[in-house]
Amino acid sequence: MSGLFDVSKETILITGASQGLGRQFARVLSAHGAAVVLAARQVAKLKNLEEEIRAKGGRAAAVQMDVTELASIGTAIDSAEAQLGPVSVLINNAGIAVEKLAVDQTEADWDQVINANLKGAYFTATEIARRMIARRQGGNIVNVASVLGFGVSKFLSPYTISKAGIIQATKAMALELAANNIRVNALAPGYIDTEMNHDFWSTPGGEKLAKRIPQRRVGTEADLDGAILLLASDASRYMTGSVVTVDGGYLLN
């Protein structure tokens, strides 16, 4: 069973790899043998992670990618494949949120969130898929959704809409790409403690929200390690169009 989650033969491109979940995904997949392409807008942060992974004997390449600019997607993938070879797995993780009530969200807010979370993810996936089809070797796409793609929360309407769209895009692409031996699944995390939201969990509002989670705790980045290894490896070879939730039971409540 130890080889079931083996990713040592994979070249995995991770968008939004400069911090948070993307950085954690890169670390755990590299630790399990994958060559990892680290993609984000801020290359300086990526370089630090690239050096960290290489210092541990891993294979990594940092590439600048702005998923809201379609030309940037293709250029970044060209650079990635020149350094580490054809990308066999995509972790579509880049995303942002703007916290305002719906009536206060501006067109610019909407465009910023939808372009990064939905449009960017969709066109990154389709660019990768075209290359996989041309190589006729199959492949694997993992879209990072959210439990808020199923439920909703105040102040995050464009974000929740974008993540619901990611779930539907996952299913649509899975159906179309199955004949090309390309799997498309989604990971839907619940509330996870990251550097961006860490201080919130010690506030009264954060503590109240954590109590609504049946496991009575906020998730850690490492709580997603098993799920990302499942979806990135051949352990999920008969899964496509699936959405794996990792939320401590939040959606049950």
C-alpha atoms as a PDB file:
ATOM      1  CA  MET A   1       0.000   0.000   0.000  1.00  0.00           C
ATOM      2  CA  SER A   2       2.965   2.354   0.490  1.00  0.00           C
ATOM      3  CA  GLY A   3       3.194   2.898  -3.270  1.00  0.00           C
ATOM      4  CA  LEU A   4      -0.479   3.741  -3.641  1.00  0.00           C
ATOM      5  CA  PHE A   5       0.079   7.423  -2.953  1.00  0.00           C
ATOM      6  CA  ASP A   6       3.374   7.597  -4.846  1.00  0.00           C
ATOM      7  CA  VAL A   7       3.870  10.817  -6.824  1.00  0.00           C
ATOM      8  CA  SER A   8       7.583  10.384  -7.520  1.00  0.00           C
ATOM      9  CA  LYS A   9       7.042  10.163 -11.278  1.00  0.00           C
ATOM     10  CA  GLU A  10       4.825  13.253 -11.420  1.00  0.00           C
ATOM     11  CA  THR A  11       5.582  16.839 -12.353  1.00  0.00           C
ATOM     12  CA  ILE A  12       3.011  18.851 -10.428  1.00  0.00           C
ATOM     13  CA  LEU A  13       2.214  22.493 -11.091  1.00  0.00           C
ATOM     14  CA  ILE A  14       0.755  24.328  -8.097  1.00  0.00           C
ATOM     15  CA  THR A  15      -0.767  27.775  -8.592  1.00  0.00           C
ATOM     16  CA  GLY A  16      -0.846  30.190  -5.683  1.00  0.00           C
ATOM     17  CA  ALA A  17       2.180  28.396  -4.228  1.00  0.00           C
ATOM     18  CA  SER A  18       3.763  31.398  -2.525  1.00  0.00           C
ATOM     19  CA  GLN A  19       1.829  31.044   0.742  1.00  0.00           C
ATOM     20  CA  GLY A  20      -0.887  29.219   2.650  1.00  0.00           C
ATOM     21  CA  LEU A  21      -2.352  26.045   1.223  1.00  0.00           C
ATOM     22  CA  GLY A  22      -0.383  26.228  -2.012  1.00  0.00           C
ATOM     23  CA  ARG A  23       2.900  26.317  -0.135  1.00  0.00           C
ATOM     24  CA  GLN A  24       1.813  23.398   2.061  1.00  0.00           C
ATOM     25  CA  PHE A  25       0.751  21.374  -0.993  1.00  0.00           C
ATOM     26  CA  ALA A  26       4.159  21.976  -2.559  1.00  0.00           C
ATOM     27  CA  ARG A  27       5.976  20.850   0.565  1.00  0.00           C
ATOM     28  CA  VAL A  28       4.018  17.639   1.075  1.00  0.00           C
ATOM     29  CA  LEU A  29       4.004  16.617  -2.600  1.00  0.00           C
ATOM     30  CA  SER A  30       7.736  17.276  -2.872  1.00  0.00           C
ATOM     31  CA  ALA A  31       8.349  15.284   0.308  1.00  0.00           C
ATOM     32  CA  HIS A  32       6.615  12.367  -1.422  1.00  0.00           C
ATOM     33  CA  GLY A  33       8.899  12.598  -4.434  1.00  0.00           C
ATOM     34  CA  ALA A  34       7.114  14.842  -6.937  1.00  0.00           C
ATOM     35  CA  ALA A  35       8.863  17.478  -9.005  1.00  0.00           C
ATOM     36  CA  VAL A  36       6.955  20.640  -8.140  1.00  0.00           C
ATOM     37  CA  VAL A  37       6.418  23.761 -10.226  1.00  0.00           C
ATOM     38  CA  LEU A  38       5.745  26.712  -7.931  1.00  0.00           C
ATOM     39  CA  ALA A  39       3.586  29.309  -9.647  1.00  0.00           C
ATOM     40  CA  ALA A  40       2.410  32.682  -8.343  1.00  0.00           C
ATOM     41  CA  ARG A  41       2.627  36.380  -9.076  1.00  0.00           C
ATOM     42  CA  GLN A  42       5.290  37.077  -6.414  1.00  0.00           C
ATOM     43  CA  VAL A  43       8.436  35.268  -7.495  1.00  0.00           C
ATOM     44  CA  ALA A  44      10.517  36.350  -4.490  1.00  0.00           C
ATOM     45  CA  LYS A  45       8.397  34.255  -2.122  1.00  0.00           C
ATOM     46  CA  LEU A  46       8.499  31.358  -4.558  1.00  0.00           C
ATOM     47  CA  LYS A  47      12.295  31.460  -4.717  1.00  0.00           C
ATOM     48  CA  ASN A  48      12.539  30.983  -0.959  1.00  0.00           C
ATOM     49  CA  LEU A  49      10.298  27.913  -1.189  1.00  0.00           C
ATOM     50  CA  GLU A  50      12.205  26.624  -4.214  1.00  0.00           C
ATOM     51  CA  GLU A  51      15.476  26.864  -2.281  1.00  0.00           C
ATOM     52  CA  GLU A  52      13.918  25.167   0.749  1.00  0.00           C
ATOM     53  CA  ILE A  53      12.710  22.211  -1.322  1.00  0.00           C
ATOM     54  CA  ARG A  54      15.995  21.862  -3.198  1.00  0.00           C
ATOM     55  CA  ALA A  55      17.949  21.957   0.070  1.00  0.00           C
ATOM     56  CA  LYS A  56      16.016  18.867   1.120  1.00  0.00           C
ATOM     57  CA  GLY A  57      16.905  17.064  -2.106  1.00  0.00           C
ATOM     58  CA  GLY A  58      13.651  17.833  -3.918  1.00  0.00           C
ATOM     59  CA  ARG A  59      13.057  19.041  -7.449  1.00  0.00           C
ATOM     60  CA  ALA A  60      11.422  22.447  -7.772  1.00  0.00           C
ATOM     61  CA  ALA A  61      11.129  25.340 -10.187  1.00  0.00           C
ATOM     62  CA  ALA A  62       9.612  28.755  -9.491  1.00  0.00           C
ATOM     63  CA  VAL A  63       7.709  30.443 -12.315  1.00  0.00           C
ATOM     64  CA  GLN A  64       5.822  33.713 -12.389  1.00  0.00           C
ATOM     65  CA  MET A  65       2.165  33.257 -13.283  1.00  0.00           C
ATOM     66  CA  ASP A  66      -0.759  35.639 -13.056  1.00  0.00           C
ATOM     67  CA  VAL A  67      -3.828  33.470 -13.656  1.00  0.00           C
ATOM     68  CA  THR A  68      -5.896  36.553 -14.491  1.00  0.00           C
ATOM     69  CA  GLU A  69      -3.708  37.143 -17.572  1.00  0.00           C
ATOM     70  CA  LEU A  70      -4.192  34.345 -20.109  1.00  0.00           C
ATOM     71  CA  ALA A  71      -0.882  35.006 -21.876  1.00  0.00           C
ATOM     72  CA  SER A  72       0.899  34.650 -18.526  1.00  0.00           C
ATOM     73  CA  ILE A  73      -0.546  31.156 -18.050  1.00  0.00           C
ATOM     74  CA  GLY A  74       0.912  29.772 -21.267  1.00  0.00           C
ATOM     75  CA  THR A  75       4.278  31.484 -20.771  1.00  0.00           C
ATOM     76  CA  ALA A  76       4.580  30.127 -17.227  1.00  0.00           C
ATOM     77  CA  ILE A  77       3.757  26.585 -18.299  1.00  0.00           C
ATOM     78  CA  ASP A  78       6.295  26.799 -21.134  1.00  0.00           C
ATOM     79  CA  SER A  79       8.945  27.813 -18.593  1.00  0.00           C
ATOM     80  CA  ALA A  80       7.894  25.091 -16.165  1.00  0.00           C
ATOM     81  CA  GLU A  81       8.031  22.333 -18.754  1.00  0.00           C
ATOM     82  CA  ALA A  82      11.395  23.526 -20.047  1.00  0.00           C
ATOM     83  CA  GLN A  83      12.809  23.109 -16.534  1.00  0.00           C
ATOM     84  CA  LEU A  84      11.087  19.995 -15.181  1.00  0.00           C
ATOM     85  CA  GLY A  85       9.391  18.329 -18.148  1.00  0.00           C
ATOM     86  CA  PRO A  86       5.720  17.920 -19.046  1.00  0.00           C
ATOM     87  CA  VAL A  87       3.246  18.775 -16.304  1.00  0.00           C
ATOM     88  CA  SER A  88       1.257  15.651 -15.420  1.00  0.00           C
ATOM     89  CA  VAL A  89      -0.728  17.059 -12.478  1.00  0.00           C
ATOM     90  CA  LEU A  90      -2.204  20.525 -11.956  1.00  0.00           C
ATOM     91  CA  ILE A  91      -3.199  21.784  -8.508  1.00  0.00           C
ATOM     92  CA  ASN A  92      -5.440  24.762  -9.323  1.00  0.00           C
ATOM     93  CA  ASN A  93      -5.106  26.607  -6.031  1.00  0.00           C
ATOM     94  CA  ALA A  94      -4.704  30.358  -6.716  1.00  0.00           C
ATOM     95  CA  GLY A  95      -7.516  32.462  -5.315  1.00  0.00           C
ATOM     96  CA  ILE A  96      -8.503  35.553  -3.359  1.00  0.00           C
ATOM     97  CA  ALA A  97     -11.448  36.974  -1.411  1.00  0.00           C
ATOM     98  CA  VAL A  98     -12.822  40.477  -0.868  1.00  0.00           C
ATOM     99  CA  GLU A  99     -14.764  40.750   2.389  1.00  0.00           C
ATOM    100  CA  LYS A 100     -17.747  43.089   2.034  1.00  0.00           C
ATOM    101  CA  LEU A 101     -21.507  42.811   2.115  1.00  0.00           C
ATOM    102  CA  ALA A 102     -22.949  42.094  -1.333  1.00  0.00           C
ATOM    103  CA  VAL A 103     -24.444  45.577  -1.576  1.00  0.00           C
ATOM    104  CA  ASP A 104     -20.992  47.093  -0.990  1.00  0.00           C
ATOM    105  CA  GLN A 105     -19.104  44.914  -3.493  1.00  0.00           C
ATOM    106  CA  THR A 106     -18.009  46.943  -6.506  1.00  0.00           C
ATOM    107  CA  GLU A 107     -17.613  45.795 -10.082  1.00  0.00           C
ATOM    108  CA  ALA A 108     -13.853  45.913  -9.517  1.00  0.00           C
ATOM    109  CA  ASP A 109     -14.209  43.654  -6.456  1.00  0.00           C
ATOM    110  CA  TRP A 110     -16.318  41.202  -8.455  1.00  0.00           C
ATOM    111  CA  ASP A 111     -13.896  41.132 -11.380  1.00  0.00           C
ATOM    112  CA  GLN A 112     -10.900  40.699  -9.091  1.00  0.00           C
ATOM    113  CA  VAL A 113     -12.362  37.655  -7.330  1.00  0.00           C
ATOM    114  CA  ILE A 114     -14.067  35.971 -10.283  1.00  0.00           C
ATOM    115  CA  ASN A 115     -11.083  36.486 -12.590  1.00  0.00           C
ATOM    116  CA  ALA A 116      -8.648  34.945 -10.107  1.00  0.00           C
ATOM    117  CA  ASN A 117     -10.782  32.196  -8.617  1.00  0.00           C
ATOM    118  CA  LEU A 118     -12.928  31.035 -11.526  1.00  0.00           C
ATOM    119  CA  LYS A 119     -11.788  32.403 -14.861  1.00  0.00           C
ATOM    120  CA  GLY A 120      -8.109  31.932 -14.009  1.00  0.00           C
ATOM    121  CA  ALA A 121      -8.608  28.397 -12.730  1.00  0.00           C
ATOM    122  CA  TYR A 122     -10.722  27.447 -15.750  1.00  0.00           C
ATOM    123  CA  PHE A 123      -8.221  28.682 -18.320  1.00  0.00           C
ATOM    124  CA  THR A 124      -5.225  27.275 -16.459  1.00  0.00           C
ATOM    125  CA  ALA A 125      -6.955  23.891 -16.495  1.00  0.00           C
ATOM    126  CA  THR A 126      -7.891  24.088 -20.170  1.00  0.00           C
ATOM    127  CA  GLU A 127      -4.357  25.143 -21.171  1.00  0.00           C
ATOM    128  CA  ILE A 128      -2.894  22.206 -19.257  1.00  0.00           C
ATOM    129  CA  ALA A 129      -5.553  19.866 -20.668  1.00  0.00           C
ATOM    130  CA  ARG A 130      -4.727  20.816 -24.270  1.00  0.00           C
ATOM    131  CA  ARG A 131      -1.097  19.902 -23.674  1.00  0.00           C
ATOM    132  CA  MET A 132      -2.045  16.627 -22.013  1.00  0.00           C
ATOM    133  CA  ILE A 133      -4.309  15.730 -24.932  1.00  0.00           C
ATOM    134  CA  ALA A 134      -1.539  16.511 -27.433  1.00  0.00           C
ATOM    135  CA  ARG A 135       0.876  14.195 -25.560  1.00  0.00           C
ATOM    136  CA  ARG A 136      -1.717  11.397 -25.358  1.00  0.00           C
ATOM    137  CA  GLN A 137      -0.437  10.374 -21.933  1.00  0.00           C
ATOM    138  CA  GLY A 138      -3.393  11.407 -19.802  1.00  0.00           C
ATOM    139  CA  GLY A 139      -3.140  13.574 -16.739  1.00  0.00           C
ATOM    140  CA  ASN A 140      -4.739  14.817 -13.575  1.00  0.00           C
ATOM    141  CA  ILE A 141      -6.293  18.148 -12.595  1.00  0.00           C
ATOM    142  CA  VAL A 142      -7.195  19.037  -9.004  1.00  0.00           C
ATOM    143  CA  ASN A 143      -9.241  22.205  -8.509  1.00  0.00           C
ATOM    144  CA  VAL A 144      -9.265  23.763  -5.043  1.00  0.00           C
ATOM    145  CA  ALA A 145     -12.849  24.669  -4.215  1.00  0.00           C
ATOM    146  CA  SER A 146     -14.288  25.361  -0.739  1.00  0.00           C
ATOM    147  CA  VAL A 147     -17.129  24.291   1.501  1.00  0.00           C
ATOM    148  CA  LEU A 148     -18.459  27.771   0.715  1.00  0.00           C
ATOM    149  CA  GLY A 149     -19.084  26.471  -2.794  1.00  0.00           C
ATOM    150  CA  PHE A 150     -21.884  24.440  -1.165  1.00  0.00           C
ATOM    151  CA  GLY A 151     -22.973  26.846   1.566  1.00  0.00           C
ATOM    152  CA  VAL A 152     -22.662  30.597   1.939  1.00  0.00           C
ATOM    153  CA  SER A 153     -21.273  33.134   4.374  1.00  0.00           C
ATOM    154  CA  LYS A 154     -21.822  36.834   4.882  1.00  0.00           C
ATOM    155  CA  PHE A 155     -19.318  39.272   3.355  1.00  0.00           C
ATOM    156  CA  LEU A 156     -18.026  36.758   0.780  1.00  0.00           C
ATOM    157  CA  SER A 157     -20.642  36.557  -1.970  1.00  0.00           C
ATOM    158  CA  PRO A 158     -18.283  36.751  -5.013  1.00  0.00           C
ATOM    159  CA  TYR A 159     -15.977  34.214  -3.352  1.00  0.00           C
ATOM    160  CA  THR A 160     -18.780  31.736  -2.656  1.00  0.00           C
ATOM    161  CA  ILE A 161     -20.102  32.177  -6.193  1.00  0.00           C
ATOM    162  CA  SER A 162     -16.629  31.547  -7.632  1.00  0.00           C
ATOM    163  CA  LYS A 163     -16.163  28.375  -5.589  1.00  0.00           C
ATOM    164  CA  ALA A 164     -19.591  27.048  -6.585  1.00  0.00           C
ATOM    165  CA  GLY A 165     -18.484  27.675 -10.154  1.00  0.00           C
ATOM    166  CA  ILE A 166     -15.275  25.715  -9.564  1.00  0.00           C
ATOM    167  CA  ILE A 167     -17.288  22.718  -8.381  1.00  0.00           C
ATOM    168  CA  GLN A 168     -19.459  22.831 -11.506  1.00  0.00           C
ATOM    169  CA  ALA A 169     -16.418  23.398 -13.741  1.00  0.00           C
ATOM    170  CA  THR A 170     -14.782  20.343 -12.182  1.00  0.00           C
ATOM    171  CA  LYS A 171     -17.736  18.172 -13.131  1.00  0.00           C
ATOM    172  CA  ALA A 172     -18.046  19.624 -16.634  1.00  0.00           C
ATOM    173  CA  MET A 173     -14.352  19.175 -17.420  1.00  0.00           C
ATOM    174  CA  ALA A 174     -14.288  15.708 -15.874  1.00  0.00           C
ATOM    175  CA  LEU A 175     -17.051  14.597 -18.233  1.00  0.00           C
ATOM    176  CA  GLU A 176     -15.382  16.040 -21.324  1.00  0.00           C
ATOM    177  CA  LEU A 177     -11.819  14.951 -20.556  1.00  0.00           C
ATOM    178  CA  ALA A 178     -12.424  11.398 -19.335  1.00  0.00           C
ATOM    179  CA  ALA A 179     -12.056  10.028 -22.876  1.00  0.00           C
ATOM    180  CA  ASN A 180      -8.542  11.504 -22.942  1.00  0.00           C
ATOM    181  CA  ASN A 181      -7.592   9.719 -19.715  1.00  0.00           C
ATOM    182  CA  ILE A 182      -7.539  13.032 -17.844  1.00  0.00           C
ATOM    183  CA  ARG A 183      -9.109  13.059 -14.397  1.00  0.00           C
ATOM    184  CA  VAL A 184     -10.559  16.236 -12.888  1.00  0.00           C
ATOM    185  CA  ASN A 185     -11.490  16.352  -9.216  1.00  0.00           C
ATOM    186  CA  ALA A 186     -11.859  19.045  -6.571  1.00  0.00           C
ATOM    187  CA  LEU A 187     -10.729  19.510  -2.990  1.00  0.00           C
ATOM    188  CA  ALA A 188     -13.122  21.550  -0.844  1.00  0.00           C
ATOM    189  CA  PRO A 189     -11.467  22.637   2.410  1.00  0.00           C
ATOM    190  CA  GLY A 190     -13.420  23.965   5.325  1.00  0.00           C
ATOM    191  CA  TYR A 191     -12.054  26.613   7.665  1.00  0.00           C
ATOM    192  CA  ILE A 192      -8.271  26.284   7.801  1.00  0.00           C
ATOM    193  CA  ASP A 193      -5.868  28.227  10.013  1.00  0.00           C
ATOM    194  CA  THR A 194      -3.330  29.937   7.727  1.00  0.00           C
ATOM    195  CA  GLU A 195      -0.982  32.869   8.164  1.00  0.00           C
ATOM    196  CA  MET A 196      -3.555  35.140   6.503  1.00  0.00           C
ATOM    197  CA  ASN A 197      -6.364  34.407   8.992  1.00  0.00           C
ATOM    198  CA  HIS A 198      -4.444  33.150  12.036  1.00  0.00           C
ATOM    199  CA  ASP A 199      -5.199  36.130  14.289  1.00  0.00           C
ATOM    200  CA  PHE A 200      -8.936  35.886  13.576  1.00  0.00           C
ATOM    201  CA  TRP A 201      -9.279  32.508  15.331  1.00  0.00           C
ATOM    202  CA  SER A 202      -8.377  34.015  18.701  1.00  0.00           C
ATOM    203  CA  THR A 203     -11.049  36.720  18.436  1.00  0.00           C
ATOM    204  CA  PRO A 204     -14.569  36.261  19.868  1.00  0.00           C
ATOM    205  CA  GLY A 205     -15.926  35.910  16.319  1.00  0.00           C
ATOM    206  CA  GLY A 206     -13.341  33.316  15.427  1.00  0.00           C
ATOM    207  CA  GLU A 207     -13.906  31.316  18.596  1.00  0.00           C
ATOM    208  CA  LYS A 208     -17.673  31.378  17.990  1.00  0.00           C
ATOM    209  CA  LEU A 209     -17.219  30.128  14.431  1.00  0.00           C
ATOM    210  CA  ALA A 210     -14.865  27.348  15.524  1.00  0.00           C
ATOM    211  CA  LYS A 211     -17.498  26.082  17.973  1.00  0.00           C
ATOM    212  CA  ARG A 212     -19.895  25.556  15.048  1.00  0.00           C
ATOM    213  CA  ILE A 213     -17.509  22.970  13.577  1.00  0.00           C
ATOM    214  CA  PRO A 214     -18.548  19.499  14.839  1.00  0.00           C
ATOM    215  CA  GLN A 215     -14.931  18.557  15.584  1.00  0.00           C
ATOM    216  CA  ARG A 216     -14.754  21.759  17.671  1.00  0.00           C
ATOM    217  CA  ARG A 217     -11.554  22.975  16.076  1.00  0.00           C
ATOM    218  CA  VAL A 218     -10.278  24.856  13.066  1.00  0.00           C
ATOM    219  CA  GLY A 219      -8.331  22.809  10.555  1.00  0.00           C
ATOM    220  CA  THR A 220      -4.590  23.064  10.063  1.00  0.00           C
ATOM    221  CA  GLU A 221      -2.835  23.166   6.704  1.00  0.00           C
ATOM    222  CA  ALA A 222      -1.479  19.680   7.415  1.00  0.00           C
ATOM    223  CA  ASP A 223      -5.035  18.346   7.754  1.00  0.00           C
ATOM    224  CA  LEU A 224      -5.246  18.561   3.949  1.00  0.00           C
ATOM    225  CA  ASP A 225      -2.096  16.497   3.310  1.00  0.00           C
ATOM    226  CA  GLY A 226      -3.875  13.161   2.980  1.00  0.00           C
ATOM    227  CA  ALA A 227      -6.554  14.512   0.676  1.00  0.00           C
ATOM    228  CA  ILE A 228      -4.104  16.231  -1.673  1.00  0.00           C
ATOM    229  CA  LEU A 229      -1.987  13.080  -1.857  1.00  0.00           C
ATOM    230  CA  LEU A 230      -5.100  11.047  -2.649  1.00  0.00           C
ATOM    231  CA  LEU A 231      -6.200  13.348  -5.457  1.00  0.00           C
ATOM    232  CA  ALA A 232      -2.724  13.925  -6.912  1.00  0.00           C
ATOM    233  CA  SER A 233      -1.770  10.246  -7.024  1.00  0.00           C
ATOM    234  CA  ASP A 234      -3.024   7.070  -8.681  1.00  0.00           C
ATOM    235  CA  ALA A 235      -4.818   6.250  -5.437  1.00  0.00           C
ATOM    236  CA  SER A 236      -7.700   8.230  -6.988  1.00  0.00           C
ATOM    237  CA  ARG A 237      -7.357   6.618 -10.426  1.00  0.00           C
ATOM    238  CA  TYR A 238     -11.078   5.708 -10.611  1.00  0.00           C
ATOM    239  CA  MET A 239     -12.253   9.101  -9.362  1.00  0.00           C
ATOM    240  CA  THR A 240     -13.235  11.921 -11.682  1.00  0.00           C
ATOM    241  CA  GLY A 241     -15.781  14.666 -11.148  1.00  0.00           C
ATOM    242  CA  SER A 242     -15.538  14.062  -7.392  1.00  0.00           C
ATOM    243  CA  VAL A 243     -15.425  16.756  -4.728  1.00  0.00           C
ATOM    244  CA  VAL A 244     -13.590  15.793  -1.535  1.00  0.00           C
ATOM    245  CA  THR A 245     -14.553  17.876   1.495  1.00  0.00           C
ATOM    246  CA  VAL A 246     -12.137  18.266   4.413  1.00  0.00           C
ATOM    247  CA  ASP A 247     -13.977  20.413   6.928  1.00  0.00           C
ATOM    248  CA  GLY A 248     -14.209  18.773  10.347  1.00  0.00           C
ATOM    249  CA  GLY A 249     -17.888  18.156   9.656  1.00  0.00           C
ATOM    250  CA  TYR A 250     -18.742  21.843   9.086  1.00  0.00           C
ATOM    251  CA  LEU A 251     -21.219  21.154   6.274  1.00  0.00           C
ATOM    252  CA  LEU A 252     -23.138  18.780   8.547  1.00  0.00           C
ATOM    253  CA  ASN A 253     -23.979  21.594  10.931  1.00  0.00           C
END
